[in-house]
């Protein structure tokens, strides 16, 4: 167990994970079993788990400018109360875990994540989820800027292509983030 660590599971919602969903990320569905293993490990260790999720108002008034046109075109995505906004089956929070809502790429931007982590005594984050060049990356870069130690579990995060994933892993590793696969992370 990594001392004073918390697991951040980023945007593992139906609209981002399920094939055919309006903003499905290729490869996200394949990460579900790896993320499940991480969840089980953190739960067994009784360490904090944060399910960081995206939500947008149905009228699109809080969607980023670069996504708003597409959001309106497809009739919305990750709107509260819809199936698409729900966390994918098998990864949902259990009692004692946190569901943190964001409406920007970073889990830290305009949320209470930093305050909650500090109150829990967390100094190290283990990050997984979707997708690399947006929410995973933005959250990791903000975590490093805020002074957290960070581990990225590389095969428990996704991107639209393997090339995008590899480029992001290289960049993320270059800022001092530990980048390991699930097997390496879980090895005693």
Protein backbone atom coordinates (compact mmCIF):
# COMPACT_ATOMS: atom_id res chain seq x y z
CA UNK A 1 0.00 0.00 0.00
CA UNK A 2 1.19 3.47 -0.77
CA UNK A 3 1.07 5.45 2.46
CA UNK A 4 -1.40 8.38 2.52
CA UNK A 5 -2.69 7.52 -0.97
CA UNK A 6 -6.08 7.92 -2.61
CA UNK A 7 -7.39 6.49 -5.87
CA UNK A 8 -8.88 8.88 -8.43
CA UNK A 9 -11.11 7.20 -11.03
CA UNK A 10 -11.70 9.75 -13.79
CA UNK A 11 -14.86 9.94 -15.96
CA UNK A 12 -15.71 6.25 -16.17
CA UNK A 13 -19.27 7.08 -17.18
CA UNK A 14 -21.43 5.34 -19.78
CA UNK A 15 -21.28 8.24 -22.26
CA UNK A 16 -17.46 8.04 -22.26
CA UNK A 17 -17.07 4.25 -22.02
CA UNK A 18 -19.84 2.38 -23.84
CA UNK A 19 -19.48 1.79 -27.58
CA UNK A 20 -21.91 3.92 -29.55
CA UNK A 21 -22.22 6.54 -26.82
CA UNK A 22 -21.91 10.15 -28.04
CA UNK A 23 -18.42 10.73 -26.61
CA UNK A 24 -17.14 7.15 -26.35
CA UNK A 25 -13.36 6.92 -26.01
CA UNK A 26 -11.90 3.95 -27.88
CA UNK A 27 -10.18 1.72 -25.37
CA UNK A 28 -12.07 2.95 -22.32
CA UNK A 29 -14.19 -0.19 -22.05
CA UNK A 30 -11.06 -2.36 -22.03
CA UNK A 31 -9.77 -0.55 -18.94
CA UNK A 32 -12.78 -1.51 -16.80
CA UNK A 33 -11.30 -4.82 -15.47
CA UNK A 34 -8.01 -3.09 -14.57
CA UNK A 35 -9.82 -0.26 -12.79
CA UNK A 36 -11.93 -2.83 -10.96
CA UNK A 37 -8.76 -4.49 -9.67
CA UNK A 38 -7.48 -1.12 -8.43
CA UNK A 39 -10.81 -0.40 -6.75
CA UNK A 40 -10.76 -3.79 -5.01
CA UNK A 41 -7.20 -3.19 -3.81
CA UNK A 42 -7.96 0.29 -2.42
CA UNK A 43 -11.18 -0.98 -0.83
CA UNK A 44 -9.36 -3.83 0.86
CA UNK A 45 -6.78 -1.35 2.15
CA UNK A 46 -9.59 0.96 3.33
CA UNK A 47 -7.94 3.82 1.47
CA UNK A 48 -9.89 6.77 0.04
CA UNK A 49 -11.47 6.41 -3.39
CA UNK A 50 -12.75 9.34 -5.44
CA UNK A 51 -15.00 8.80 -8.45
CA UNK A 52 -14.43 12.02 -10.36
CA UNK A 53 -17.24 12.47 -12.88
CA UNK A 54 -18.28 14.99 -15.50
CA UNK A 55 -21.76 16.53 -15.52
CA UNK A 56 -23.30 19.14 -17.80
CA UNK A 57 -26.62 20.96 -17.62
CA UNK A 58 -29.09 19.77 -20.26
CA UNK A 59 -29.14 23.19 -21.96
CA UNK A 60 -25.35 23.10 -22.44
CA UNK A 61 -24.80 26.39 -20.64
CA UNK A 62 -21.86 24.99 -18.65
CA UNK A 63 -20.15 23.03 -21.45
CA UNK A 64 -16.66 24.14 -22.54
CA UNK A 65 -16.73 26.33 -25.64
CA UNK A 66 -14.83 23.75 -27.69
CA UNK A 67 -17.45 21.06 -26.91
CA UNK A 68 -20.66 23.07 -26.85
CA UNK A 69 -21.52 22.77 -30.56
CA UNK A 70 -21.17 18.99 -30.52
CA UNK A 71 -23.06 18.76 -27.23
CA UNK A 72 -26.03 20.60 -28.76
CA UNK A 73 -25.77 18.66 -32.03
CA UNK A 74 -26.06 15.24 -30.36
CA UNK A 75 -28.65 16.29 -27.78
CA UNK A 76 -26.24 16.34 -24.85
CA UNK A 77 -24.08 13.92 -22.91
CA UNK A 78 -23.29 13.26 -19.24
CA UNK A 79 -26.47 15.08 -18.25
CA UNK A 80 -27.53 14.24 -14.67
CA UNK A 81 -30.43 11.82 -14.52
CA UNK A 82 -29.53 10.13 -17.82
CA UNK A 83 -28.04 6.64 -18.24
CA UNK A 84 -25.06 8.23 -19.98
CA UNK A 85 -24.12 10.14 -16.85
CA UNK A 86 -24.02 7.02 -14.69
CA UNK A 87 -20.74 5.35 -13.79
CA UNK A 88 -20.22 2.21 -15.87
CA UNK A 89 -21.50 -1.03 -14.31
CA UNK A 90 -19.08 -2.59 -11.85
CA UNK A 91 -17.16 0.58 -11.03
CA UNK A 92 -19.69 2.58 -9.04
CA UNK A 93 -18.97 3.92 -5.57
CA UNK A 94 -19.65 1.89 -2.47
CA UNK A 95 -20.39 3.28 0.99
CA UNK A 96 -17.60 5.52 2.19
CA UNK A 97 -16.32 6.46 -1.27
CA UNK A 98 -16.62 9.89 -2.79
CA UNK A 99 -18.38 10.95 -5.99
CA UNK A 100 -16.97 14.31 -7.04
CA UNK A 101 -18.60 16.28 -9.87
CA UNK A 102 -16.56 18.46 -12.21
CA UNK A 103 -17.53 20.28 -15.38
CA UNK A 104 -14.06 20.99 -16.68
CA UNK A 105 -11.14 18.74 -17.62
CA UNK A 106 -9.32 18.86 -14.28
CA UNK A 107 -10.79 17.25 -11.20
CA UNK A 108 -9.31 20.14 -9.23
CA UNK A 109 -10.76 23.07 -11.18
CA UNK A 110 -13.58 24.72 -9.25
CA UNK A 111 -14.14 21.61 -7.09
CA UNK A 112 -13.50 20.74 -3.46
CA UNK A 113 -11.10 17.88 -4.35
CA UNK A 114 -7.92 19.50 -2.99
CA UNK A 115 -9.60 20.46 0.30
CA UNK A 116 -11.05 16.96 0.75
CA UNK A 117 -7.73 15.24 0.02
CA UNK A 118 -5.86 17.47 2.46
CA UNK A 119 -8.47 16.89 5.20
CA UNK A 120 -8.02 13.14 4.70
CA UNK A 121 -4.23 13.48 4.96
CA UNK A 122 -3.69 12.33 1.37
CA UNK A 123 -0.31 13.23 -0.09
CA UNK A 124 -0.15 10.74 -2.98
CA UNK A 125 -2.66 10.09 -5.76
CA UNK A 126 -3.10 7.02 -7.92
CA UNK A 127 -4.89 7.98 -11.14
CA UNK A 128 -6.83 5.96 -13.69
CA UNK A 129 -9.78 6.50 -16.04
CA UNK A 130 -10.46 8.27 -19.29
CA UNK A 131 -9.06 9.94 -21.23
CA UNK A 132 -5.35 10.73 -21.39
CA UNK A 133 -5.07 14.00 -23.29
CA UNK A 134 -7.96 15.68 -21.50
CA UNK A 135 -9.22 14.87 -18.02
CA UNK A 136 -6.58 12.38 -16.89
CA UNK A 137 -3.75 14.67 -17.98
CA UNK A 138 -5.30 17.91 -16.66
CA UNK A 139 -6.01 16.33 -13.27
CA UNK A 140 -2.48 14.92 -13.03
CA UNK A 141 -0.80 18.19 -14.00
CA UNK A 142 -2.89 20.11 -11.44
CA UNK A 143 -2.10 17.49 -8.78
CA UNK A 144 1.62 17.88 -9.40
CA UNK A 145 1.29 21.69 -9.31
CA UNK A 146 -0.49 21.38 -5.96
CA UNK A 147 2.33 19.27 -4.52
CA UNK A 148 0.87 15.76 -4.61
CA UNK A 149 2.95 12.75 -5.50
CA UNK A 150 1.24 11.00 -8.40
CA UNK A 151 1.20 7.51 -9.84
CA UNK A 152 -0.48 6.93 -13.21
CA UNK A 153 -1.67 3.37 -13.81
CA UNK A 154 -1.04 3.28 -17.54
CA UNK A 155 -3.18 0.32 -18.61
CA UNK A 156 -6.08 1.53 -16.47
CA UNK A 157 -6.36 4.77 -18.46
CA UNK A 158 -7.40 5.24 -22.06
CA UNK A 159 -7.06 7.39 -25.14
CA UNK A 160 -8.55 7.29 -28.63
CA UNK A 161 -5.39 5.65 -30.03
CA UNK A 162 -2.34 3.86 -28.61
CA UNK A 163 -0.15 6.62 -30.07
CA UNK A 164 -2.02 9.29 -28.12
CA UNK A 165 -1.70 7.21 -24.95
CA UNK A 166 2.03 6.68 -25.46
CA UNK A 167 2.69 10.38 -26.11
CA UNK A 168 0.78 11.37 -22.97
CA UNK A 169 2.49 8.76 -20.81
CA UNK A 170 5.86 10.11 -21.96
CA UNK A 171 4.87 13.72 -21.16
CA UNK A 172 3.31 12.77 -17.82
CA UNK A 173 6.38 10.74 -16.84
CA UNK A 174 8.60 13.69 -17.70
CA UNK A 175 7.05 15.80 -14.91
CA UNK A 176 8.00 13.24 -12.27
CA UNK A 177 4.85 11.12 -12.24
CA UNK A 178 5.41 7.39 -11.65
CA UNK A 179 3.94 5.54 -14.65
CA UNK A 180 3.33 1.82 -14.12
CA UNK A 181 0.89 -0.83 -15.31
CA UNK A 182 -1.65 -2.50 -13.04
CA UNK A 183 0.43 -5.63 -12.40
CA UNK A 184 3.44 -3.58 -11.34
CA UNK A 185 1.35 -1.33 -9.11
CA UNK A 186 -0.36 -4.25 -7.36
CA UNK A 187 2.82 -6.29 -6.93
CA UNK A 188 3.65 -6.69 -3.22
